[in-house]
C-alpha atoms as a PDB file:
ATOM      1  CA  MET A   1       0.000   0.000   0.000  1.00  0.00           C
ATOM      2  CA  GLU A   2       1.358   3.426  -0.961  1.00  0.00           C
ATOM      3  CA  SER A   3       1.706   5.977   1.809  1.00  0.00           C
ATOM      4  CA  THR A   4       0.773   9.613   1.306  1.00  0.00           C
ATOM      5  CA  VAL A   5       2.738  12.476   2.789  1.00  0.00           C
ATOM      6  CA  LEU A   6       0.598  15.340   4.023  1.00  0.00           C
ATOM      7  CA  ASN A   7       1.632  18.908   3.432  1.00  0.00           C
ATOM      8  CA  PRO A   8       1.657  21.286   6.432  1.00  0.00           C
ATOM      9  CA  THR A   9      -1.796  22.685   5.632  1.00  0.00           C
ATOM     10  CA  GLN A  10      -3.360  19.241   5.416  1.00  0.00           C
ATOM     11  CA  LEU A  11      -1.679  18.185   8.646  1.00  0.00           C
ATOM     12  CA  PHE A  12      -2.925  21.301  10.444  1.00  0.00           C
ATOM     13  CA  LEU A  13      -6.496  20.706   9.223  1.00  0.00           C
ATOM     14  CA  PHE A  14      -6.433  17.081  10.334  1.00  0.00           C
ATOM     15  CA  GLN A  15      -5.240  18.111  13.777  1.00  0.00           C
ATOM     16  CA  MET A  16      -7.851  20.851  14.003  1.00  0.00           C
ATOM     17  CA  PHE A  17     -10.698  18.539  12.981  1.00  0.00           C
ATOM     18  CA  ALA A  18      -9.513  15.744  15.267  1.00  0.00           C
ATOM     19  CA  ARG A  19     -11.191  17.566  18.130  1.00  0.00           C
ATOM     20  CA  ASN A  20     -14.852  16.847  18.654  1.00  0.00           C
ATOM     21  CA  GLY A  21     -17.050  19.644  17.415  1.00  0.00           C
ATOM     22  CA  ASP A  22     -20.704  20.345  17.039  1.00  0.00           C
ATOM     23  CA  GLU A  23     -22.718  21.815  14.174  1.00  0.00           C
ATOM     24  CA  GLU A  24     -22.206  25.358  15.459  1.00  0.00           C
ATOM     25  CA  ARG A  25     -18.430  24.965  15.341  1.00  0.00           C
ATOM     26  CA  LEU A  26     -18.658  23.575  11.814  1.00  0.00           C
ATOM     27  CA  LYS A  27     -20.798  26.550  10.780  1.00  0.00           C
ATOM     28  CA  GLU A  28     -18.249  28.982  12.257  1.00  0.00           C
ATOM     29  CA  LEU A  29     -15.367  27.251  10.455  1.00  0.00           C
ATOM     30  CA  LYS A  30     -17.236  27.406   7.148  1.00  0.00           C
ATOM     31  CA  GLU A  31     -17.866  31.125   7.639  1.00  0.00           C
ATOM     32  CA  VAL A  32     -14.188  31.767   8.372  1.00  0.00           C
ATOM     33  CA  TRP A  33     -13.116  29.765   5.325  1.00  0.00           C
ATOM     34  CA  LEU A  34     -15.599  31.532   3.028  1.00  0.00           C
ATOM     35  CA  GLU A  35     -14.471  34.936   4.294  1.00  0.00           C
ATOM     36  CA  HIS A  36     -10.872  33.940   3.554  1.00  0.00           C
ATOM     37  CA  LEU A  37     -11.816  32.916   0.006  1.00  0.00           C
ATOM     38  CA  ARG A  38     -13.810  36.133  -0.537  1.00  0.00           C
ATOM     39  CA  LYS A  39     -10.800  38.155   0.540  1.00  0.00           C
ATOM     40  CA  LYS A  40      -8.499  36.271  -1.868  1.00  0.00           C
ATOM     41  CA  VAL A  41     -10.914  36.756  -4.792  1.00  0.00           C
ATOM     42  CA  ASP A  42     -11.238  40.460  -3.979  1.00  0.00           C
ATOM     43  CA  GLU A  43      -7.442  40.854  -3.839  1.00  0.00           C
ATOM     44  CA  GLU A  44      -7.045  39.085  -7.182  1.00  0.00           C
ATOM     45  CA  GLY A  45      -9.737  41.259  -8.753  1.00  0.00           C
ATOM     46  CA  LYS A  46      -8.019  44.410  -7.532  1.00  0.00           C
ATOM     47  CA  ARG A  47      -4.663  43.156  -8.825  1.00  0.00           C
ATOM     48  CA  LEU A  48      -6.100  42.414 -12.258  1.00  0.00           C
ATOM     49  CA  TRP A  49      -7.886  45.796 -12.317  1.00  0.00           C
ATOM     50  CA  VAL A  50      -4.548  47.567 -11.867  1.00  0.00           C
ATOM     51  CA  GLU A  51      -2.583  45.181 -14.113  1.00  0.00           C
ATOM     52  CA  LYS A  52      -5.054  45.534 -17.004  1.00  0.00           C
ATOM     53  CA  ASN A  53      -5.417  49.291 -16.393  1.00  0.00           C
ATOM     54  CA  MET A  54      -9.203  48.902 -16.164  1.00  0.00           C
ATOM     55  CA  SER A  55     -11.738  51.699 -15.839  1.00  0.00           C
ATOM     56  CA  GLU A  56     -15.468  51.949 -15.109  1.00  0.00           C
ATOM     57  CA  GLU A  57     -16.073  52.674 -18.792  1.00  0.00           C
ATOM     58  CA  MET A  58     -14.229  49.508 -19.818  1.00  0.00           C
ATOM     59  CA  MET A  59     -16.277  47.454 -17.351  1.00  0.00           C
ATOM     60  CA  ASP A  60     -19.527  48.921 -18.685  1.00  0.00           C
ATOM     61  CA  GLU A  61     -18.460  48.050 -22.216  1.00  0.00           C
ATOM     62  CA  ILE A  62     -17.567  44.480 -21.237  1.00  0.00           C
ATOM     63  CA  LEU A  63     -20.814  44.001 -19.327  1.00  0.00           C
ATOM     64  CA  ASN A  64     -22.908  45.385 -22.174  1.00  0.00           C
ATOM     65  CA  THR A  65     -21.192  43.369 -24.918  1.00  0.00           C
ATOM     66  CA  HIS A  66     -23.045  40.409 -26.323  1.00  0.00           C
ATOM     67  CA  LEU A  67     -20.446  37.654 -25.904  1.00  0.00           C
ATOM     68  CA  ARG A  68     -22.232  34.789 -27.654  1.00  0.00           C
ATOM     69  CA  THR A  69     -21.097  33.626 -31.047  1.00  0.00           C
ATOM     70  CA  PRO A  70     -23.584  34.728 -33.708  1.00  0.00           C
ATOM     71  CA  TYR A  71     -25.783  31.994 -35.095  1.00  0.00           C
ATOM     72  CA  ASN A  72     -24.625  30.692 -38.469  1.00  0.00           C
ATOM     73  CA  PRO A  73     -27.159  28.382 -40.166  1.00  0.00           C
ATOM     74  CA  ASN A  74     -24.411  27.036 -42.469  1.00  0.00           C
ATOM     75  CA  ASN A  75     -22.591  25.398 -39.527  1.00  0.00           C
ATOM     76  CA  ARG A  76     -24.661  22.252 -39.278  1.00  0.00           C
END
């Protein structure tokens, strides 16, 4: 049988979840994790905004652009 080596994050999570917890604790952990992910997504969005030199006008144009490929009846 092949053994698997855990990385430090996995090991920490195993140790944390080894303690008995109730539904309320699980709910709190989920909220903390989701807040962490929201923060990371927000940071990445801000980074891309600066990197791509975005503006409100550019966002409006992107959001108002029809992105679907036009229908071509000859492509059957």
